[in-house]
Amino acid sequence: MVKRNASIELLKLVSLFLIVVSHVVQTLIEYNPYVASNEYVLPISYPITNFVTFFIVALRYLGIFGNATFFICSAYCLVDKETINFKKILIIFIDVWIISIIFLISYLIYYGWSNIDSHLILRSFLPTFFENNWYITIYLLLSIISPLLNIIIRSISRPALFWLTLASFVIYIVVAMFVKPPYYSVLIVWITLYFAIGYLKKYSINLLDSNIFSVCLILIGLIGHITILVITNELAKHMDIGSVNLLSWFIDGNLFITLLAFGIFNLIRKIEFNNRFITYISSLSLFVYIIHENILFRTYTRPQIWQYAYTTFGYDNILLIIFIYSLALFVASIIASIIYKESIHRLVSLLGKKLYQLLSKFISFIDKKILKTDIDK
């Protein structure tokens, strides 16, 4: 069994906590049409004139950072793989479905069928198809096509890969910050970053190993992100345009946040140590993510928690409440994930292996029939 670098696993855990913070803030500042009262919502008007509100909106971007970090950690490993791990993909697919159904049954029992929106019930039945947790759907798609992307990286010349990567990066990372280019999607953004990581890992390993390079990326990303938020807020003071607000740059593939995430990852990955506890908790990341961000939980329960906090404590210490709320949700999700992994997931793994064997036999049978048909022709 290959030992995982605990420094990268720890980075993933920190990033996951930051994602939780981002989602907690999302519930706080966005109106929810599915709940009876939005009294708890913290209204954000632009321009922002006080530091606390500015900081709260900035916390929302932690989700973009966490997503970028997770993707970079995955892509850095995937660029070296030549085959698709269909068994792992199948097990993830089943886990996501099982957890979604567990939540659905629980909410139907507690709230009653008539009190849960029918659209959310349908989405709970097909969580991956409807992208209830879009990161999971995109990750599975990328895992499937990564060997094909690796063939391109290995097969084309260095100049061709360089210009392909550069052109894609300029269009789908830089330009996309301001104007959506044709066929823009998160998958296209991730493929662009995948090629960039593949190029650097294949042809510029010395640059990757340079601490100066990583520090420069971190500084550019951090200073650039803060600067663009400040400038945007200042523009909002002088421009009567509703779309000018601090969340205008909330897009996956945000140039500055991506550079920041890659710079931090590039420094962390060189700090190698082993820690079984960190590795184990990190292995729960998938479950923590889909539990705390389950479509029913985020629609009905997270707002109720904020409503309780608002009516009980008020928002005088809102930053402290955000931290406590996020930490409690993070820890609770870890505990629930441990319970799931050590119980139902064991059965899912066995089921996934059996299904994989059956599918492999079926595909082999079809292949033989197709080949036989071709030969007969």
Protein backbone atom coordinates (compact mmCIF):
# COMPACT_ATOMS: atom_id res chain seq x y z
CA MET A 1 0.00 0.00 0.00
CA VAL A 2 1.37 3.40 -1.05
CA LYS A 3 1.77 5.80 1.87
CA ARG A 4 0.13 9.18 1.37
CA ASN A 5 1.98 12.39 2.08
CA ALA A 6 0.26 13.65 5.24
CA SER A 7 1.16 17.27 4.41
CA ILE A 8 -1.04 17.15 1.30
CA GLU A 9 -3.77 15.34 3.22
CA LEU A 10 -3.64 18.05 5.90
CA LEU A 11 -3.89 20.73 3.21
CA LYS A 12 -6.99 18.98 1.87
CA LEU A 13 -8.53 18.92 5.35
CA VAL A 14 -7.88 22.63 5.87
CA SER A 15 -9.33 23.34 2.43
CA LEU A 16 -12.40 21.27 3.27
CA PHE A 17 -12.96 23.30 6.44
CA LEU A 18 -12.68 26.50 4.38
CA ILE A 19 -15.31 25.12 2.00
CA VAL A 20 -17.59 24.53 4.99
CA VAL A 21 -17.02 28.15 6.11
CA SER A 22 -17.90 29.35 2.60
CA HIS A 23 -21.14 27.37 2.58
CA VAL A 24 -22.11 28.59 6.04
CA VAL A 25 -21.59 32.18 4.82
CA GLN A 26 -23.57 31.39 1.66
CA THR A 27 -26.56 30.38 3.79
CA LEU A 28 -26.17 33.57 5.83
CA ILE A 29 -26.13 36.06 2.94
CA GLU A 30 -28.41 34.46 0.31
CA TYR A 31 -32.20 34.43 0.40
CA ASN A 32 -33.77 30.98 0.43
CA PRO A 33 -37.13 30.56 -1.38
CA TYR A 34 -37.78 27.19 0.29
CA VAL A 35 -38.04 28.42 3.89
CA ALA A 36 -40.91 30.32 5.49
CA SER A 37 -38.80 33.18 6.86
CA ASN A 38 -35.57 34.79 5.69
CA GLU A 39 -35.31 36.92 8.82
CA TYR A 40 -31.87 35.43 9.57
CA VAL A 41 -30.38 36.55 6.23
CA LEU A 42 -27.71 39.22 6.53
CA PRO A 43 -28.55 41.70 3.74
CA ILE A 44 -25.55 42.78 1.73
CA SER A 45 -25.77 46.11 -0.03
CA TYR A 46 -23.05 47.45 -2.31
CA PRO A 47 -20.81 49.26 -1.88
CA ILE A 48 -19.86 47.79 1.48
CA THR A 49 -18.98 50.46 4.03
CA ASN A 50 -17.84 48.45 7.05
CA PHE A 51 -14.98 45.98 7.48
CA VAL A 52 -16.99 43.17 9.11
CA THR A 53 -19.42 42.88 6.21
CA PHE A 54 -16.54 43.14 3.72
CA PHE A 55 -14.74 40.33 5.54
CA ILE A 56 -17.87 38.13 5.58
CA VAL A 57 -18.30 38.47 1.83
CA ALA A 58 -14.59 37.75 1.38
CA LEU A 59 -15.04 34.54 3.40
CA ARG A 60 -17.40 33.30 0.70
CA TYR A 61 -14.38 33.03 -1.63
CA LEU A 62 -12.84 30.38 0.61
CA GLY A 63 -15.00 27.89 -1.27
CA ILE A 64 -13.30 28.78 -4.55
CA PHE A 65 -9.91 28.34 -2.86
CA GLY A 66 -10.92 24.98 -1.40
CA ASN A 67 -12.24 23.71 -4.73
CA ALA A 68 -9.07 24.80 -6.52
CA THR A 69 -6.85 23.15 -3.90
CA PHE A 70 -8.74 19.87 -4.06
CA PHE A 71 -8.61 19.85 -7.84
CA ILE A 72 -4.88 20.61 -7.94
CA CYS A 73 -4.14 17.83 -5.44
CA SER A 74 -6.14 15.37 -7.58
CA ALA A 75 -4.80 16.55 -10.94
CA TYR A 76 -1.19 16.40 -9.77
CA CYS A 77 -1.64 12.66 -9.21
CA LEU A 78 -3.93 11.94 -12.16
CA VAL A 79 -1.46 13.25 -14.78
CA ASP A 80 0.75 10.23 -14.06
CA LYS A 81 -1.97 7.60 -14.40
CA GLU A 82 -2.57 5.61 -17.57
CA THR A 83 -5.79 3.78 -16.69
CA ILE A 84 -9.23 4.61 -15.35
CA ASN A 85 -10.08 3.31 -11.88
CA PHE A 86 -13.66 2.34 -12.75
CA LYS A 87 -14.07 0.44 -9.50
CA LYS A 88 -13.34 3.58 -7.45
CA ILE A 89 -15.64 5.67 -9.64
CA LEU A 90 -18.46 3.15 -9.23
CA ILE A 91 -18.06 3.06 -5.45
CA ILE A 92 -18.09 6.88 -5.25
CA PHE A 93 -21.23 6.96 -7.38
CA ILE A 94 -22.98 4.48 -5.08
CA ASP A 95 -21.83 6.28 -1.90
CA VAL A 96 -23.18 9.59 -3.16
CA TRP A 97 -26.53 7.98 -4.01
CA ILE A 98 -26.83 6.09 -0.70
CA ILE A 99 -26.08 9.18 1.42
CA SER A 100 -28.56 11.23 -0.61
CA ILE A 101 -31.27 8.59 -0.08
CA ILE A 102 -30.51 8.42 3.66
CA PHE A 103 -31.05 12.18 3.91
CA LEU A 104 -34.19 12.00 1.76
CA ILE A 105 -35.80 9.27 3.88
CA SER A 106 -34.87 11.10 7.10
CA TYR A 107 -36.36 14.40 5.92
CA LEU A 108 -39.51 12.75 4.57
CA ILE A 109 -40.06 11.06 7.94
CA TYR A 110 -39.37 14.23 9.94
CA TYR A 111 -41.08 16.86 7.75
CA GLY A 112 -43.58 14.75 5.83
CA TRP A 113 -43.80 14.23 2.08
CA SER A 114 -45.99 17.30 1.48
CA ASN A 115 -43.56 19.64 3.22
CA ILE A 116 -40.56 18.81 1.04
CA ASP A 117 -40.41 20.42 -2.39
CA SER A 118 -41.05 17.80 -5.10
CA HIS A 119 -38.18 19.14 -7.20
CA LEU A 120 -35.75 18.55 -4.33
CA ILE A 121 -37.14 15.03 -3.85
CA LEU A 122 -36.46 14.24 -7.52
CA ARG A 123 -32.96 15.70 -7.29
CA SER A 124 -32.28 13.61 -4.20
CA PHE A 125 -33.04 10.46 -6.17
CA LEU A 126 -30.44 11.36 -8.83
CA PRO A 127 -27.81 13.43 -6.98
CA THR A 128 -24.93 12.94 -9.42
CA PHE A 129 -27.00 13.49 -12.55
CA PHE A 130 -28.53 16.71 -11.20
CA GLU A 131 -25.16 17.88 -9.81
CA ASN A 132 -26.48 18.32 -6.28
CA ASN A 133 -22.80 18.45 -5.35
CA TRP A 134 -21.37 19.67 -8.64
CA TYR A 135 -17.76 19.08 -7.58
CA ILE A 136 -18.40 15.33 -7.35
CA THR A 137 -19.97 15.15 -10.82
CA ILE A 138 -17.14 17.11 -12.41
CA TYR A 139 -14.51 15.07 -10.54
CA LEU A 140 -16.00 11.80 -11.81
CA LEU A 141 -16.06 13.12 -15.37
CA LEU A 142 -12.46 14.27 -15.10
CA SER A 143 -11.39 10.91 -13.66
CA ILE A 144 -12.94 9.17 -16.66
CA ILE A 145 -11.32 11.38 -19.30
CA SER A 146 -7.94 11.90 -17.54
CA PRO A 147 -6.20 8.98 -19.35
CA LEU A 148 -7.19 10.56 -22.68
CA LEU A 149 -5.84 13.92 -21.52
CA ASN A 150 -2.63 12.18 -20.45
CA ILE A 151 -2.26 10.66 -23.92
CA ILE A 152 -2.39 14.18 -25.38
CA ILE A 153 0.16 15.46 -22.85
CA ARG A 154 2.55 12.58 -23.59
CA SER A 155 2.04 12.47 -27.36
CA ILE A 156 2.15 16.02 -28.68
CA SER A 157 5.36 18.02 -28.89
CA ARG A 158 6.47 20.41 -26.16
CA PRO A 159 5.77 23.55 -28.27
CA ALA A 160 2.31 22.24 -29.19
CA LEU A 161 1.46 21.49 -25.55
CA PHE A 162 2.86 24.86 -24.46
CA TRP A 163 0.76 26.88 -26.91
CA LEU A 164 -2.32 24.76 -26.29
CA THR A 165 -1.96 25.30 -22.55
CA LEU A 166 -1.19 29.01 -22.87
CA ALA A 167 -4.06 29.72 -25.25
CA SER A 168 -6.52 27.80 -23.09
CA PHE A 169 -5.25 29.49 -19.93
CA VAL A 170 -5.60 32.98 -21.40
CA ILE A 171 -9.11 32.32 -22.74
CA TYR A 172 -10.67 30.24 -19.97
CA ILE A 173 -8.83 31.62 -16.92
CA VAL A 174 -7.73 35.19 -17.63
CA VAL A 175 -10.40 36.40 -20.07
CA ALA A 176 -13.12 34.42 -18.25
CA MET A 177 -12.55 36.62 -15.20
CA PHE A 178 -14.19 39.46 -17.13
CA VAL A 179 -16.16 37.95 -20.03
CA LYS A 180 -17.47 34.40 -20.41
CA PRO A 181 -15.75 32.88 -23.48
CA PRO A 182 -17.49 30.41 -25.85
CA TYR A 183 -18.38 27.00 -24.37
CA TYR A 184 -17.22 28.09 -20.92
CA SER A 185 -17.80 25.54 -18.16
CA VAL A 186 -16.10 24.34 -14.99
CA LEU A 187 -15.05 21.17 -16.83
CA ILE A 188 -13.28 23.22 -19.51
CA VAL A 189 -11.59 25.30 -16.81
CA TRP A 190 -10.37 22.17 -15.05
CA ILE A 191 -9.10 20.63 -18.29
CA THR A 192 -7.17 23.85 -18.91
CA LEU A 193 -5.58 23.69 -15.45
CA TYR A 194 -4.96 19.96 -15.95
CA PHE A 195 -2.91 20.68 -19.08
CA ALA A 196 -1.00 23.41 -17.21
CA ILE A 197 -0.12 21.01 -14.39
CA GLY A 198 0.77 18.30 -16.90
CA TYR A 199 3.09 20.65 -18.80
CA LEU A 200 4.83 21.90 -15.67
CA LYS A 201 5.25 18.40 -14.29
CA LYS A 202 6.63 17.03 -17.57
CA TYR A 203 8.81 19.87 -18.79
CA SER A 204 9.38 22.32 -15.92
CA ILE A 205 10.02 20.22 -12.83
CA ASN A 206 12.84 22.54 -11.78
CA LEU A 207 10.40 25.44 -11.79
CA LEU A 208 7.94 23.41 -9.73
CA ASP A 209 10.66 22.65 -7.19
CA SER A 210 11.55 26.33 -6.85
CA ASN A 211 10.33 27.87 -3.60
CA ILE A 212 10.70 31.32 -5.16
CA PHE A 213 8.24 30.33 -7.90
CA SER A 214 5.71 29.14 -5.33
CA VAL A 215 6.08 32.24 -3.15
CA CYS A 216 5.63 34.47 -6.21
CA LEU A 217 2.41 32.67 -7.11
CA ILE A 218 1.14 33.05 -3.54
CA LEU A 219 1.94 36.78 -3.43
CA ILE A 220 0.46 37.46 -6.87
CA GLY A 221 -2.65 35.50 -6.00
CA LEU A 222 -3.18 36.98 -2.54
CA ILE A 223 -2.38 40.61 -3.44
CA GLY A 224 -4.28 40.35 -6.72
CA HIS A 225 -7.41 38.94 -5.08
CA ILE A 226 -7.50 41.51 -2.27
CA THR A 227 -6.80 44.33 -4.72
CA ILE A 228 -9.57 43.38 -7.13
CA LEU A 229 -12.09 43.15 -4.27
CA VAL A 230 -11.12 46.58 -2.97
CA ILE A 231 -11.21 48.13 -6.46
CA THR A 232 -14.59 46.54 -7.16
CA ASN A 233 -16.02 47.94 -3.94
CA GLU A 234 -14.66 51.39 -4.75
CA LEU A 235 -16.14 51.24 -8.25
CA ALA A 236 -19.51 50.37 -6.74
CA LYS A 237 -19.38 53.67 -4.87
CA HIS A 238 -19.16 55.63 -8.11
CA MET A 239 -21.09 53.48 -10.58
CA ASP A 240 -24.83 52.92 -10.53
CA ILE A 241 -24.56 49.35 -11.79
CA GLY A 242 -26.25 46.57 -9.84
CA SER A 243 -23.85 43.90 -11.10
CA VAL A 244 -20.82 45.62 -9.59
CA ASN A 245 -20.34 43.83 -6.29
CA LEU A 246 -17.75 41.86 -4.40
CA LEU A 247 -19.10 38.51 -5.59
CA SER A 248 -18.60 39.40 -9.25
CA TRP A 249 -15.37 37.37 -9.20
CA PHE A 250 -16.90 34.33 -7.53
CA ILE A 251 -16.09 31.83 -10.30
CA ASP A 252 -14.22 28.54 -10.23
CA GLY A 253 -10.99 29.17 -12.09
CA ASN A 254 -10.63 32.65 -10.57
CA LEU A 255 -7.14 33.62 -11.74
CA PHE A 256 -5.79 34.96 -8.46
CA ILE A 257 -7.28 32.28 -6.22
CA THR A 258 -6.03 29.56 -8.55
CA LEU A 259 -2.49 30.96 -8.46
CA LEU A 260 -2.71 31.24 -4.67
CA ALA A 261 -3.93 27.65 -4.32
CA PHE A 262 -1.28 26.23 -6.63
CA GLY A 263 1.51 28.17 -4.93
CA ILE A 264 0.48 26.90 -1.49
CA PHE A 265 0.09 23.32 -2.78
CA ASN A 266 3.49 23.48 -4.45
CA LEU A 267 5.16 24.45 -1.18
CA ILE A 268 3.22 21.99 0.97
CA ARG A 269 3.80 18.94 -1.26
CA LYS A 270 7.56 19.09 -0.60
CA ILE A 271 7.03 18.77 3.16
CA GLU A 272 6.77 15.01 3.45
CA PHE A 273 5.71 13.17 6.59
CA ASN A 274 3.37 10.33 7.52
CA ASN A 275 0.51 10.53 9.98
CA ARG A 276 -2.15 7.83 10.06
CA PHE A 277 -4.70 10.00 11.89
CA ILE A 278 -4.49 12.84 9.35
CA THR A 279 -4.58 10.37 6.46
CA TYR A 280 -7.65 8.65 7.89
CA ILE A 281 -9.58 11.88 8.50
CA SER A 282 -8.62 13.08 5.02
CA SER A 283 -10.02 9.86 3.58
CA LEU A 284 -13.42 11.05 4.84
CA SER A 285 -13.34 14.18 2.64
CA LEU A 286 -15.90 12.89 0.13
CA PHE A 287 -18.36 12.02 2.88
CA VAL A 288 -17.83 15.26 4.80
CA TYR A 289 -18.42 17.23 1.62
CA ILE A 290 -21.66 15.53 0.55
CA ILE A 291 -23.03 15.35 4.11
CA HIS A 292 -22.61 19.02 5.07
CA GLU A 293 -23.69 20.14 1.59
CA ASN A 294 -26.55 17.71 1.06
CA ILE A 295 -29.28 19.48 -0.90
CA LEU A 296 -31.96 18.96 1.77
CA PHE A 297 -29.67 19.80 4.68
CA ARG A 298 -28.45 23.02 3.08
CA THR A 299 -31.96 24.01 2.00
CA TYR A 300 -33.88 23.37 5.23
CA THR A 301 -31.52 22.78 8.17
CA ARG A 302 -28.66 25.24 7.71
CA PRO A 303 -31.12 28.19 7.52
CA GLN A 304 -32.83 26.96 10.70
CA ILE A 305 -29.50 26.96 12.51
CA TRP A 306 -28.87 30.53 11.39
CA GLN A 307 -32.39 31.52 12.44
CA TYR A 308 -31.73 30.10 15.90
CA ALA A 309 -28.39 31.94 16.13
CA TYR A 310 -30.01 35.19 15.01
CA THR A 311 -32.93 35.08 17.46
CA THR A 312 -30.82 33.78 20.36
CA PHE A 313 -27.56 35.71 20.09
CA GLY A 314 -28.05 38.37 17.45
CA TYR A 315 -25.29 39.32 15.04
CA ASP A 316 -23.14 41.55 17.27
CA ASN A 317 -20.45 38.85 17.26
CA ILE A 318 -21.21 37.55 13.79
CA LEU A 319 -17.64 36.53 12.91
CA LEU A 320 -17.37 34.42 16.06
CA ILE A 321 -20.74 32.81 15.29
CA ILE A 322 -19.59 31.98 11.74
CA PHE A 323 -16.45 30.31 13.10
CA ILE A 324 -18.28 28.30 15.79
CA TYR A 325 -21.06 27.31 13.36
CA SER A 326 -18.52 26.22 10.72
CA LEU A 327 -16.35 24.31 13.18
CA ALA A 328 -19.33 22.54 14.75
CA LEU A 329 -20.69 21.58 11.31
CA PHE A 330 -17.25 20.40 10.20
CA VAL A 331 -16.76 18.22 13.30
CA ALA A 332 -20.32 16.86 13.15
CA SER A 333 -19.83 15.97 9.48
CA ILE A 334 -16.58 14.16 10.32
CA ILE A 335 -18.29 12.14 13.06
CA ALA A 336 -21.16 11.25 10.71
CA SER A 337 -18.61 10.33 8.03
CA ILE A 338 -16.74 8.00 10.39
CA ILE A 339 -19.97 6.25 11.29
CA TYR A 340 -20.89 5.90 7.62
CA LYS A 341 -17.46 4.73 6.51
CA GLU A 342 -17.17 2.08 9.20
CA SER A 343 -20.65 0.73 8.57
CA ILE A 344 -22.59 1.29 5.35
CA HIS A 345 -19.52 2.15 3.25
CA ARG A 346 -18.06 -1.29 3.94
CA LEU A 347 -21.16 -2.82 2.37
CA VAL A 348 -21.02 -0.31 -0.49
CA SER A 349 -17.41 -1.30 -1.20
CA LEU A 350 -18.39 -4.97 -1.38
CA LEU A 351 -21.37 -4.14 -3.58
CA GLY A 352 -19.21 -1.93 -5.81
CA LYS A 353 -16.65 -4.69 -6.28
CA LYS A 354 -19.36 -7.22 -7.18
CA LEU A 355 -21.00 -4.81 -9.63
CA TYR A 356 -17.64 -4.00 -11.15
CA GLN A 357 -16.95 -7.69 -11.70
CA LEU A 358 -20.36 -8.18 -13.31
CA LEU A 359 -19.93 -5.12 -15.52
CA SER A 360 -16.45 -6.27 -16.52
CA LYS A 361 -17.81 -9.66 -17.56
CA PHE A 362 -20.69 -8.03 -19.45
CA ILE A 363 -18.36 -5.64 -21.28
CA SER A 364 -15.98 -8.49 -22.09
CA PHE A 365 -18.89 -10.50 -23.47
CA ILE A 366 -20.06 -7.59 -25.64
CA ASP A 367 -16.50 -6.98 -26.87
CA LYS A 368 -16.14 -10.59 -27.93
CA LYS A 369 -19.47 -10.51 -29.73
CA ILE A 370 -18.58 -7.27 -31.51
CA LEU A 371 -15.16 -8.60 -32.49
CA LYS A 372 -16.69 -11.84 -33.67
CA THR A 373 -19.23 -9.90 -35.73
CA ASP A 374 -16.47 -7.78 -37.25
CA ILE A 375 -14.46 -10.87 -38.12
CA ASP A 376 -17.48 -12.56 -39.71
CA LYS A 377 -17.97 -9.50 -41.88
